[in-house]
Amino acid sequence: MKAVRFTRFGGPEVLEIVDLPDRHPGPGEVRIAVCAAGVNASDWKKRQGLMDPDLPQTLGHEAAGVVDELGEGVMDVAIGDRVFGVNAEGIAQAELAVLSYYAPIPPSLDFAAAAALPAAVETATRALDQLGVGSARTVLINGASGSVGGAAVQLAVVRGARVIGTAGPANHEYLRSLGAEPVAYGEGMVERVRAFAPDGVDLALDVAGSGVLPELIELAGGAEHVITIADFGGAQEYGVRFSRGDSGRALHALGQIGELIDSGRFSLPVGQTFPLAEVAEAHRVGEQGGVRGKLVLLVG
C-alpha cells in the first residue's frame, strides 16, 4: 500500500509517498480502504523532529473509508460499511488503515468531513471532561475558531455551559454561529472578557498555546481551573494541567458525535482538501495558518 513517510527531519520536502506492506486488523479492529485522512499540527511537529526522535516515521491517526477486512470478534460492522475512526499505529495517511476504534459515518457526511472528526472531537471531549465542563458553568476557550476549538465550543454548549471564545475579529461571527460569545485575543483580553463576565470565568481551556496562561489563570481564579492542550512549557511553568492523549483518551465521543451531527448541534468544516500525493503542500498550508476548518488528504 502507498503511505506517507519521512526518513529525515526537515521541511515539507522530506515527505515521501512510499510502498509499505499491507496492514491487517487484529481482534476487535477493522481495516478500511482509506478515502480520506485528517492532517493535524502534530504531523508537522513530528516531521520537524519535535515529538519523536525515531526514524523513519509514518503519519496519520484519523481516517474515513470503507471496511474491507474484519478482525476477529468484530460483529458491529460489515465489509462495505462506511466508517471513520482512529489508527493507533500512526499510518492513516495511506491507502489502507487499521482502525482500533471506529464508528459509522453519519449519512449526511462525505468521507472528507468524516475524516476531520476523530482528533478534534476526542481532544475537545477529553479536555472538557478533565475540566468538568457542565451546565451553569462559564468556560473561556482560547483559540476557539480552529478545529479543536470549534469542536470544544459546540460540545460545551451541548453540555449547557456558557462559552466565551477568543479569536480574531474575522472569526467572531463564526463563533456566534457556534453559540459562543466572541472576544478578540491580544493585549487587553482580560478586560474584554471581564466585560462579558465581570467576576471572571469558572474554567478556561487553552487550545491556541499563545502564551496567555497567566491571563487564563487570573480569569479562572487559579491554575487548577485551567487546562492547555498546546502549551507544554507554560503548563510546567504555571502549574497548569497539560492534557494529552496518553492521559486517557475520550474515544467514546466518536460513537456519540453522529447523533449531534444528525440533529444539527455539531458541525466541523473542512477547510481544504489535497490529494495524498500533495501531502507536502498540505503541511505548508497548515503551517502558514489562516485556514478555517480541517485539512484533509483525499486517497484513491
C-alpha atoms as a PDB file:
ATOM      1  CA  MET A   1       0.000   0.000   0.000  1.00  0.00           C
ATOM      2  CA  LYS A   2       1.096   3.579  -0.584  1.00  0.00           C
ATOM      3  CA  ALA A   3       1.641   5.699   2.522  1.00  0.00           C
ATOM      4  CA  VAL A   4       3.199   8.971   3.681  1.00  0.00           C
ATOM      5  CA  ARG A   5       6.638   8.596   5.270  1.00  0.00           C
ATOM      6  CA  PHE A   6       9.782  10.583   6.005  1.00  0.00           C
ATOM      7  CA  THR A   7      13.288   9.290   6.677  1.00  0.00           C
ATOM      8  CA  ARG A   8      14.831  12.580   7.867  1.00  0.00           C
ATOM      9  CA  PHE A   9      13.566  15.600   9.745  1.00  0.00           C
ATOM     10  CA  GLY A  10      13.034  18.897   7.989  1.00  0.00           C
ATOM     11  CA  GLY A  11      10.580  20.881   5.907  1.00  0.00           C
ATOM     12  CA  PRO A  12       7.639  19.544   3.906  1.00  0.00           C
ATOM     13  CA  GLU A  13      10.035  18.459   1.157  1.00  0.00           C
ATOM     14  CA  VAL A  14      11.172  15.461   3.274  1.00  0.00           C
ATOM     15  CA  LEU A  15       7.738  13.819   2.912  1.00  0.00           C
ATOM     16  CA  GLU A  16       7.524  10.881   0.516  1.00  0.00           C
ATOM     17  CA  ILE A  17       4.855   8.550  -0.807  1.00  0.00           C
ATOM     18  CA  VAL A  18       6.271   5.041  -0.422  1.00  0.00           C
ATOM     19  CA  ASP A  19       5.107   1.440  -0.712  1.00  0.00           C
ATOM     20  CA  LEU A  20       4.659  -0.335   2.634  1.00  0.00           C
ATOM     21  CA  PRO A  21       3.335  -3.815   3.454  1.00  0.00           C
ATOM     22  CA  ASP A  22      -0.436  -4.031   3.777  1.00  0.00           C
ATOM     23  CA  ARG A  23      -1.685  -3.932   7.372  1.00  0.00           C
ATOM     24  CA  HIS A  24      -4.252  -6.414   8.712  1.00  0.00           C
ATOM     25  CA  PRO A  25      -6.637  -5.958  11.636  1.00  0.00           C
ATOM     26  CA  GLY A  26      -6.201  -7.637  14.981  1.00  0.00           C
ATOM     27  CA  PRO A  27      -9.021  -8.736  17.298  1.00  0.00           C
ATOM     28  CA  GLY A  28     -11.688  -6.047  17.594  1.00  0.00           C
ATOM     29  CA  GLU A  29     -10.193  -3.971  14.779  1.00  0.00           C
ATOM     30  CA  VAL A  30     -11.262  -3.290  11.202  1.00  0.00           C
ATOM     31  CA  ARG A  31      -9.312  -2.345   8.114  1.00  0.00           C
ATOM     32  CA  ILE A  32     -10.575   0.270   5.710  1.00  0.00           C
ATOM     33  CA  ALA A  33      -9.769   1.253   2.195  1.00  0.00           C
ATOM     34  CA  VAL A  34      -8.978   4.852   3.063  1.00  0.00           C
ATOM     35  CA  CYS A  35     -10.934   7.535   1.241  1.00  0.00           C
ATOM     36  CA  ALA A  36      -9.799  10.488   3.359  1.00  0.00           C
ATOM     37  CA  ALA A  37      -7.352  11.142   6.205  1.00  0.00           C
ATOM     38  CA  GLY A  38      -7.043  14.118   8.515  1.00  0.00           C
ATOM     39  CA  VAL A  39      -3.963  16.335   8.776  1.00  0.00           C
ATOM     40  CA  ASN A  40      -3.030  17.798  12.164  1.00  0.00           C
ATOM     41  CA  ALA A  41      -0.447  20.146  13.638  1.00  0.00           C
ATOM     42  CA  SER A  42       1.177  17.118  15.268  1.00  0.00           C
ATOM     43  CA  ASP A  43       2.076  15.902  11.774  1.00  0.00           C
ATOM     44  CA  TRP A  44       4.423  18.779  11.027  1.00  0.00           C
ATOM     45  CA  LYS A  45       5.742  18.768  14.582  1.00  0.00           C
ATOM     46  CA  LYS A  46       6.720  15.125  14.089  1.00  0.00           C
ATOM     47  CA  ARG A  47       8.228  15.941  10.694  1.00  0.00           C
ATOM     48  CA  GLN A  48      10.326  18.678  12.303  1.00  0.00           C
ATOM     49  CA  GLY A  49      11.624  16.258  14.945  1.00  0.00           C
ATOM     50  CA  LEU A  50       9.825  17.951  17.836  1.00  0.00           C
ATOM     51  CA  MET A  51       7.912  14.906  19.097  1.00  0.00           C
ATOM     52  CA  ASP A  52       9.553  11.585  18.298  1.00  0.00           C
ATOM     53  CA  PRO A  53      13.281  11.038  17.679  1.00  0.00           C
ATOM     54  CA  ASP A  54      12.889   7.768  15.789  1.00  0.00           C
ATOM     55  CA  LEU A  55      13.216   7.425  12.021  1.00  0.00           C
ATOM     56  CA  PRO A  56      11.645   6.601   9.650  1.00  0.00           C
ATOM     57  CA  GLN A  57       8.158   7.750  10.600  1.00  0.00           C
ATOM     58  CA  THR A  58       4.740   7.434   9.024  1.00  0.00           C
ATOM     59  CA  LEU A  59       1.879   9.863   9.620  1.00  0.00           C
ATOM     60  CA  GLY A  60      -1.815   9.956  10.366  1.00  0.00           C
ATOM     61  CA  HIS A  61      -4.062   8.872  13.229  1.00  0.00           C
ATOM     62  CA  GLU A  62      -7.534   9.529  11.783  1.00  0.00           C
ATOM     63  CA  ALA A  63      -9.200   8.301   8.621  1.00  0.00           C
ATOM     64  CA  ALA A  64     -12.504   7.504   6.972  1.00  0.00           C
ATOM     65  CA  GLY A  65     -13.262   4.902   4.352  1.00  0.00           C
ATOM     66  CA  VAL A  66     -14.916   1.607   3.510  1.00  0.00           C
ATOM     67  CA  VAL A  67     -14.417  -1.517   5.610  1.00  0.00           C
ATOM     68  CA  ASP A  68     -12.592  -4.187   3.603  1.00  0.00           C
ATOM     69  CA  GLU A  69     -11.363  -6.587   6.306  1.00  0.00           C
ATOM     70  CA  LEU A  70     -12.650  -7.547   9.752  1.00  0.00           C
ATOM     71  CA  GLY A  71     -10.616  -8.529  12.782  1.00  0.00           C
ATOM     72  CA  GLU A  72     -11.567 -11.435  14.993  1.00  0.00           C
ATOM     73  CA  GLY A  73     -14.719 -10.837  17.004  1.00  0.00           C
ATOM     74  CA  VAL A  74     -15.961  -7.807  15.070  1.00  0.00           C
ATOM     75  CA  MET A  75     -19.752  -8.039  14.814  1.00  0.00           C
ATOM     76  CA  ASP A  76     -20.942  -4.429  14.715  1.00  0.00           C
ATOM     77  CA  VAL A  77     -19.908  -3.573  11.140  1.00  0.00           C
ATOM     78  CA  ALA A  78     -19.705  -5.445   7.856  1.00  0.00           C
ATOM     79  CA  ILE A  79     -17.439  -5.324   4.841  1.00  0.00           C
ATOM     80  CA  GLY A  80     -18.570  -2.418   2.679  1.00  0.00           C
ATOM     81  CA  ASP A  81     -19.727  -0.222   5.571  1.00  0.00           C
ATOM     82  CA  ARG A  82     -18.618   3.432   5.732  1.00  0.00           C
ATOM     83  CA  VAL A  83     -16.745   4.153   8.963  1.00  0.00           C
ATOM     84  CA  PHE A  84     -14.364   6.699  10.456  1.00  0.00           C
ATOM     85  CA  GLY A  85     -12.012   6.287  13.344  1.00  0.00           C
ATOM     86  CA  VAL A  86      -8.573   6.148  14.907  1.00  0.00           C
ATOM     87  CA  ASN A  87      -5.439   4.362  13.733  1.00  0.00           C
ATOM     88  CA  ALA A  88      -3.183   3.652  16.719  1.00  0.00           C
ATOM     89  CA  GLU A  89      -0.100   2.935  14.592  1.00  0.00           C
ATOM     90  CA  GLY A  90       0.102   6.380  13.033  1.00  0.00           C
ATOM     91  CA  ILE A  91      -0.289   5.070   9.491  1.00  0.00           C
ATOM     92  CA  ALA A  92      -3.637   6.537   8.490  1.00  0.00           C
ATOM     93  CA  GLN A  93      -2.345   8.695   5.629  1.00  0.00           C
ATOM     94  CA  ALA A  94      -2.216   5.649   3.406  1.00  0.00           C
ATOM     95  CA  GLU A  95      -4.291   3.553   1.035  1.00  0.00           C
ATOM     96  CA  LEU A  96      -5.216   1.129   3.823  1.00  0.00           C
ATOM     97  CA  ALA A  97      -5.576   1.747   7.561  1.00  0.00           C
ATOM     98  CA  VAL A  98      -6.403  -0.431  10.540  1.00  0.00           C
ATOM     99  CA  LEU A  99      -8.836   1.294  12.894  1.00  0.00           C
ATOM    100  CA  SER A 100      -8.614   0.369  16.556  1.00  0.00           C
ATOM    101  CA  TYR A 101     -11.677   2.458  17.335  1.00  0.00           C
ATOM    102  CA  TYR A 102     -14.350   3.286  14.773  1.00  0.00           C
ATOM    103  CA  ALA A 103     -17.922   4.472  14.303  1.00  0.00           C
ATOM    104  CA  PRO A 104     -20.398   4.653  11.417  1.00  0.00           C
ATOM    105  CA  ILE A 105     -20.156   7.749   9.236  1.00  0.00           C
ATOM    106  CA  PRO A 106     -23.310   9.866   9.673  1.00  0.00           C
ATOM    107  CA  PRO A 107     -25.374   9.698   6.458  1.00  0.00           C
ATOM    108  CA  SER A 108     -25.105  13.445   5.890  1.00  0.00           C
ATOM    109  CA  LEU A 109     -21.273  13.429   5.778  1.00  0.00           C
ATOM    110  CA  ASP A 110     -18.886  12.626   2.962  1.00  0.00           C
ATOM    111  CA  PHE A 111     -15.561  10.899   3.638  1.00  0.00           C
ATOM    112  CA  ALA A 112     -13.587  14.142   3.936  1.00  0.00           C
ATOM    113  CA  ALA A 113     -15.933  15.557   6.582  1.00  0.00           C
ATOM    114  CA  ALA A 114     -15.850  12.271   8.495  1.00  0.00           C
ATOM    115  CA  ALA A 115     -12.040  12.113   8.436  1.00  0.00           C
ATOM    116  CA  ALA A 116     -11.935  15.569  10.006  1.00  0.00           C
ATOM    117  CA  LEU A 117     -13.754  14.407  13.133  1.00  0.00           C
ATOM    118  CA  PRO A 118     -11.725  11.975  15.281  1.00  0.00           C
ATOM    119  CA  ALA A 119      -8.812  14.059  16.570  1.00  0.00           C
ATOM    120  CA  ALA A 120     -10.818  17.243  17.114  1.00  0.00           C
ATOM    121  CA  VAL A 121     -13.771  15.508  18.765  1.00  0.00           C
ATOM    122  CA  GLU A 122     -11.634  13.300  21.010  1.00  0.00           C
ATOM    123  CA  THR A 123      -9.297  16.115  22.065  1.00  0.00           C
ATOM    124  CA  ALA A 124     -12.128  18.547  22.793  1.00  0.00           C
ATOM    125  CA  THR A 125     -14.159  15.972  24.716  1.00  0.00           C
ATOM    126  CA  ARG A 126     -11.152  14.863  26.768  1.00  0.00           C
ATOM    127  CA  ALA A 127     -10.292  18.427  27.762  1.00  0.00           C
ATOM    128  CA  LEU A 128     -13.895  19.306  28.644  1.00  0.00           C
ATOM    129  CA  ASP A 129     -14.208  16.115  30.709  1.00  0.00           C
ATOM    130  CA  GLN A 130     -10.987  16.872  32.578  1.00  0.00           C
ATOM    131  CA  LEU A 131     -12.133  20.436  33.262  1.00  0.00           C
ATOM    132  CA  GLY A 132     -15.544  19.286  34.433  1.00  0.00           C
ATOM    133  CA  VAL A 133     -17.452  21.484  31.993  1.00  0.00           C
ATOM    134  CA  GLY A 134     -21.185  21.184  32.544  1.00  0.00           C
ATOM    135  CA  SER A 135     -24.364  23.195  32.832  1.00  0.00           C
ATOM    136  CA  ALA A 136     -24.367  26.554  34.605  1.00  0.00           C
ATOM    137  CA  ARG A 137     -20.607  26.890  34.139  1.00  0.00           C
ATOM    138  CA  THR A 138     -18.854  29.671  32.230  1.00  0.00           C
ATOM    139  CA  VAL A 139     -15.869  28.444  30.229  1.00  0.00           C
ATOM    140  CA  LEU A 140     -13.340  30.535  28.330  1.00  0.00           C
ATOM    141  CA  ILE A 141     -11.829  28.837  25.276  1.00  0.00           C
ATOM    142  CA  ASN A 142      -8.644  30.442  23.974  1.00  0.00           C
ATOM    143  CA  GLY A 143      -8.305  29.730  20.258  1.00  0.00           C
ATOM    144  CA  ALA A 144     -11.955  28.919  19.706  1.00  0.00           C
ATOM    145  CA  SER A 145     -12.176  29.175  15.915  1.00  0.00           C
ATOM    146  CA  GLY A 146      -9.887  26.284  14.931  1.00  0.00           C
ATOM    147  CA  SER A 147     -10.936  22.655  14.539  1.00  0.00           C
ATOM    148  CA  VAL A 148     -10.392  21.635  18.168  1.00  0.00           C
ATOM    149  CA  GLY A 149     -11.560  24.996  19.500  1.00  0.00           C
ATOM    150  CA  GLY A 150     -14.712  24.944  17.403  1.00  0.00           C
ATOM    151  CA  ALA A 151     -15.436  21.388  18.497  1.00  0.00           C
ATOM    152  CA  ALA A 152     -14.915  22.370  22.141  1.00  0.00           C
ATOM    153  CA  VAL A 153     -17.265  25.348  21.801  1.00  0.00           C
ATOM    154  CA  GLN A 154     -20.082  23.231  20.396  1.00  0.00           C
ATOM    155  CA  LEU A 155     -19.635  20.350  22.822  1.00  0.00           C
ATOM    156  CA  ALA A 156     -19.552  22.746  25.780  1.00  0.00           C
ATOM    157  CA  VAL A 157     -22.753  24.421  24.561  1.00  0.00           C
ATOM    158  CA  VAL A 158     -24.406  20.990  24.268  1.00  0.00           C
ATOM    159  CA  ARG A 159     -23.472  20.406  27.927  1.00  0.00           C
ATOM    160  CA  GLY A 160     -25.283  23.591  28.888  1.00  0.00           C
ATOM    161  CA  ALA A 161     -22.228  25.751  29.537  1.00  0.00           C
ATOM    162  CA  ARG A 162     -21.867  29.426  28.727  1.00  0.00           C
ATOM    163  CA  VAL A 163     -18.909  29.793  26.355  1.00  0.00           C
ATOM    164  CA  ILE A 164     -16.684  32.806  25.781  1.00  0.00           C
ATOM    165  CA  GLY A 165     -14.247  32.250  22.939  1.00  0.00           C
ATOM    166  CA  THR A 166     -11.159  34.142  21.803  1.00  0.00           C
ATOM    167  CA  ALA A 167     -10.463  34.586  18.100  1.00  0.00           C
ATOM    168  CA  GLY A 168      -9.504  37.214  15.577  1.00  0.00           C
ATOM    169  CA  PRO A 169     -12.291  39.641  14.619  1.00  0.00           C
ATOM    170  CA  ALA A 170     -12.786  37.927  11.249  1.00  0.00           C
ATOM    171  CA  ASN A 171     -13.940  34.790  13.088  1.00  0.00           C
ATOM    172  CA  HIS A 172     -16.287  36.400  15.577  1.00  0.00           C
ATOM    173  CA  GLU A 173     -19.454  35.842  13.557  1.00  0.00           C
ATOM    174  CA  TYR A 174     -18.449  32.202  13.094  1.00  0.00           C
ATOM    175  CA  LEU A 175     -18.089  31.802  16.863  1.00  0.00           C
ATOM    176  CA  ARG A 176     -21.509  33.355  17.399  1.00  0.00           C
ATOM    177  CA  SER A 177     -22.961  30.787  14.987  1.00  0.00           C
ATOM    178  CA  LEU A 178     -21.497  28.044  17.196  1.00  0.00           C
ATOM    179  CA  GLY A 179     -23.066  29.503  20.326  1.00  0.00           C
ATOM    180  CA  ALA A 180     -20.065  31.332  21.811  1.00  0.00           C
ATOM    181  CA  GLU A 181     -19.618  34.956  22.873  1.00  0.00           C
ATOM    182  CA  PRO A 182     -16.504  36.115  20.978  1.00  0.00           C
ATOM    183  CA  VAL A 183     -13.713  38.327  22.259  1.00  0.00           C
ATOM    184  CA  ALA A 184     -10.530  39.383  20.494  1.00  0.00           C
ATOM    185  CA  TYR A 185      -7.254  37.928  21.707  1.00  0.00           C
ATOM    186  CA  GLY A 186      -4.154  40.016  22.294  1.00  0.00           C
ATOM    187  CA  GLU A 187      -3.407  42.867  24.664  1.00  0.00           C
ATOM    188  CA  GLY A 188      -6.416  43.798  26.758  1.00  0.00           C
ATOM    189  CA  MET A 189      -8.036  40.364  26.512  1.00  0.00           C
ATOM    190  CA  VAL A 190      -8.614  40.120  30.267  1.00  0.00           C
ATOM    191  CA  GLU A 191     -10.560  43.378  30.290  1.00  0.00           C
ATOM    192  CA  ARG A 192     -12.582  42.316  27.240  1.00  0.00           C
ATOM    193  CA  VAL A 193     -13.502  39.009  28.872  1.00  0.00           C
ATOM    194  CA  ARG A 194     -14.482  40.806  32.084  1.00  0.00           C
ATOM    195  CA  ALA A 195     -16.857  42.950  30.054  1.00  0.00           C
ATOM    196  CA  PHE A 196     -18.793  39.717  29.442  1.00  0.00           C
ATOM    197  CA  ALA A 197     -18.072  38.110  32.822  1.00  0.00           C
ATOM    198  CA  PRO A 198     -17.211  40.750  35.477  1.00  0.00           C
ATOM    199  CA  ASP A 199     -16.352  38.118  38.093  1.00  0.00           C
ATOM    200  CA  GLY A 200     -14.235  36.081  35.699  1.00  0.00           C
ATOM    201  CA  VAL A 201     -14.969  32.593  34.407  1.00  0.00           C
ATOM    202  CA  ASP A 202     -15.315  29.212  36.094  1.00  0.00           C
ATOM    203  CA  LEU A 203     -12.985  27.327  33.755  1.00  0.00           C
ATOM    204  CA  ALA A 204     -10.564  28.000  30.909  1.00  0.00           C
ATOM    205  CA  LEU A 205      -9.269  25.849  28.063  1.00  0.00           C
ATOM    206  CA  ASP A 206      -6.195  26.890  26.089  1.00  0.00           C
ATOM    207  CA  VAL A 207      -6.269  25.454  22.575  1.00  0.00           C
ATOM    208  CA  ALA A 208      -4.028  28.010  20.882  1.00  0.00           C
ATOM    209  CA  GLY A 209      -0.902  27.877  23.051  1.00  0.00           C
ATOM    210  CA  SER A 210      -0.400  31.604  22.540  1.00  0.00           C
ATOM    211  CA  GLY A 211       1.284  32.367  25.871  1.00  0.00           C
ATOM    212  CA  VAL A 212      -1.826  33.528  27.717  1.00  0.00           C
ATOM    213  CA  LEU A 213      -1.870  31.020  30.577  1.00  0.00           C
ATOM    214  CA  PRO A 214      -1.259  33.736  33.234  1.00  0.00           C
ATOM    215  CA  GLU A 215      -4.290  35.635  31.951  1.00  0.00           C
ATOM    216  CA  LEU A 216      -6.426  32.484  31.897  1.00  0.00           C
ATOM    217  CA  ILE A 217      -5.353  31.641  35.456  1.00  0.00           C
ATOM    218  CA  GLU A 218      -6.321  35.152  36.573  1.00  0.00           C
ATOM    219  CA  LEU A 219      -9.727  34.948  34.899  1.00  0.00           C
ATOM    220  CA  ALA A 220     -10.489  31.416  36.132  1.00  0.00           C
ATOM    221  CA  GLY A 221      -9.318  32.058  39.696  1.00  0.00           C
ATOM    222  CA  GLY A 222      -6.442  29.598  39.815  1.00  0.00           C
ATOM    223  CA  ALA A 223      -4.295  27.213  37.782  1.00  0.00           C
ATOM    224  CA  GLU A 224      -6.435  24.260  38.880  1.00  0.00           C
ATOM    225  CA  HIS A 225      -9.303  25.636  36.771  1.00  0.00           C
ATOM    226  CA  VAL A 226      -7.237  25.807  33.552  1.00  0.00           C
ATOM    227  CA  ILE A 227      -6.181  23.139  31.058  1.00  0.00           C
ATOM    228  CA  THR A 228      -3.990  23.564  27.989  1.00  0.00           C
ATOM    229  CA  ILE A 229      -3.590  21.202  25.075  1.00  0.00           C
ATOM    230  CA  ALA A 230      -0.984  23.345  23.321  1.00  0.00           C
ATOM    231  CA  ASP A 231       1.471  24.958  25.765  1.00  0.00           C
ATOM    232  CA  PHE A 232       3.538  22.244  27.450  1.00  0.00           C
ATOM    233  CA  GLY A 233       6.245  24.615  28.652  1.00  0.00           C
ATOM    234  CA  GLY A 234       3.721  27.088  30.013  1.00  0.00           C
ATOM    235  CA  ALA A 235       1.854  24.312  31.787  1.00  0.00           C
ATOM    236  CA  GLN A 236       5.035  23.325  33.626  1.00  0.00           C
ATOM    237  CA  GLU A 237       5.881  26.926  34.466  1.00  0.00           C
ATOM    238  CA  TYR A 238       2.473  27.916  35.812  1.00  0.00           C
ATOM    239  CA  GLY A 239       1.231  24.629  37.279  1.00  0.00           C
ATOM    240  CA  VAL A 240      -1.496  24.132  34.689  1.00  0.00           C
ATOM    241  CA  ARG A 241      -2.596  20.662  33.631  1.00  0.00           C
ATOM    242  CA  PHE A 242      -1.448  19.689  30.152  1.00  0.00           C
ATOM    243  CA  SER A 243      -3.983  17.387  28.505  1.00  0.00           C
ATOM    244  CA  ARG A 244      -2.524  14.714  26.254  1.00  0.00           C
ATOM    245  CA  GLY A 245      -3.761  11.516  24.710  1.00  0.00           C
ATOM    246  CA  ASP A 246      -1.711   9.234  26.931  1.00  0.00           C
ATOM    247  CA  SER A 247      -3.592  10.558  29.962  1.00  0.00           C
ATOM    248  CA  GLY A 248      -6.740   8.706  28.846  1.00  0.00           C
ATOM    249  CA  ARG A 249      -8.460   9.176  25.531  1.00  0.00           C
ATOM    250  CA  ALA A 250     -12.131  10.095  25.193  1.00  0.00           C
ATOM    251  CA  LEU A 251     -12.741   7.754  22.273  1.00  0.00           C
ATOM    252  CA  HIS A 252     -16.306   7.150  23.392  1.00  0.00           C
ATOM    253  CA  ALA A 253     -17.081  10.545  21.868  1.00  0.00           C
ATOM    254  CA  LEU A 254     -16.710   9.167  18.334  1.00  0.00           C
ATOM    255  CA  GLY A 255     -19.692   6.905  18.822  1.00  0.00           C
ATOM    256  CA  GLN A 256     -21.801   9.766  20.172  1.00  0.00           C
ATOM    257  CA  ILE A 257     -20.992  12.541  17.717  1.00  0.00           C
ATOM    258  CA  GLY A 258     -23.218  11.186  14.938  1.00  0.00           C
ATOM    259  CA  GLU A 259     -26.377  11.966  16.901  1.00  0.00           C
ATOM    260  CA  LEU A 260     -25.257  15.564  17.443  1.00  0.00           C
ATOM    261  CA  ILE A 261     -24.411  15.933  13.745  1.00  0.00           C
ATOM    262  CA  ASP A 262     -27.750  14.477  12.625  1.00  0.00           C
ATOM    263  CA  SER A 263     -29.632  16.805  14.998  1.00  0.00           C
ATOM    264  CA  GLY A 264     -27.754  19.875  13.718  1.00  0.00           C
ATOM    265  CA  ARG A 265     -25.969  20.559  17.015  1.00  0.00           C
ATOM    266  CA  PHE A 266     -22.450  19.868  15.778  1.00  0.00           C
ATOM    267  CA  SER A 267     -20.503  20.510  12.592  1.00  0.00           C
ATOM    268  CA  LEU A 268     -16.830  20.664  11.752  1.00  0.00           C
ATOM    269  CA  PRO A 269     -15.911  22.377   8.489  1.00  0.00           C
ATOM    270  CA  VAL A 270     -13.315  21.029   6.093  1.00  0.00           C
ATOM    271  CA  GLY A 271     -11.045  23.919   5.230  1.00  0.00           C
ATOM    272  CA  GLN A 272      -9.161  22.444   2.299  1.00  0.00           C
ATOM    273  CA  THR A 273      -8.508  19.053   0.710  1.00  0.00           C
ATOM    274  CA  PHE A 274      -5.416  17.720  -1.060  1.00  0.00           C
ATOM    275  CA  PRO A 275      -4.634  14.530  -2.976  1.00  0.00           C
ATOM    276  CA  LEU A 276      -2.419  12.164  -0.985  1.00  0.00           C
ATOM    277  CA  ALA A 277       0.458  12.928  -3.350  1.00  0.00           C
ATOM    278  CA  GLU A 278       0.271  16.614  -2.330  1.00  0.00           C
ATOM    279  CA  VAL A 279       0.753  15.994   1.387  1.00  0.00           C
ATOM    280  CA  ALA A 280       3.752  18.357   1.417  1.00  0.00           C
ATOM    281  CA  GLU A 281       1.538  21.212   0.221  1.00  0.00           C
ATOM    282  CA  ALA A 282      -0.991  20.369   2.950  1.00  0.00           C
ATOM    283  CA  HIS A 283       1.802  20.786   5.510  1.00  0.00           C
ATOM    284  CA  ARG A 284       2.823  24.140   4.013  1.00  0.00           C
ATOM    285  CA  VAL A 285      -0.738  25.432   4.139  1.00  0.00           C
ATOM    286  CA  GLY A 286      -1.239  24.150   7.667  1.00  0.00           C
ATOM    287  CA  GLU A 287       1.952  25.683   8.997  1.00  0.00           C
ATOM    288  CA  GLN A 288       1.110  29.060   7.464  1.00  0.00           C
ATOM    289  CA  GLY A 289      -2.219  29.078   9.325  1.00  0.00           C
ATOM    290  CA  GLY A 290      -5.251  31.116   8.427  1.00  0.00           C
ATOM    291  CA  VAL A 291      -7.408  28.268   7.087  1.00  0.00           C
ATOM    292  CA  ARG A 292     -10.676  27.845   8.948  1.00  0.00           C
ATOM    293  CA  GLY A 293     -11.519  24.189   9.144  1.00  0.00           C
ATOM    294  CA  LYS A 294      -9.668  20.925   8.904  1.00  0.00           C
ATOM    295  CA  LEU A 295      -7.082  19.996   6.281  1.00  0.00           C
ATOM    296  CA  VAL A 296      -7.826  16.603   4.758  1.00  0.00           C
ATOM    297  CA  LEU A 297      -5.990  14.300   2.359  1.00  0.00           C
ATOM    298  CA  LEU A 298      -8.062  12.502  -0.278  1.00  0.00           C
ATOM    299  CA  VAL A 299      -6.965   8.970  -1.098  1.00  0.00           C
ATOM    300  CA  GLY A 300      -7.821   6.911  -4.140  1.00  0.00           C
END
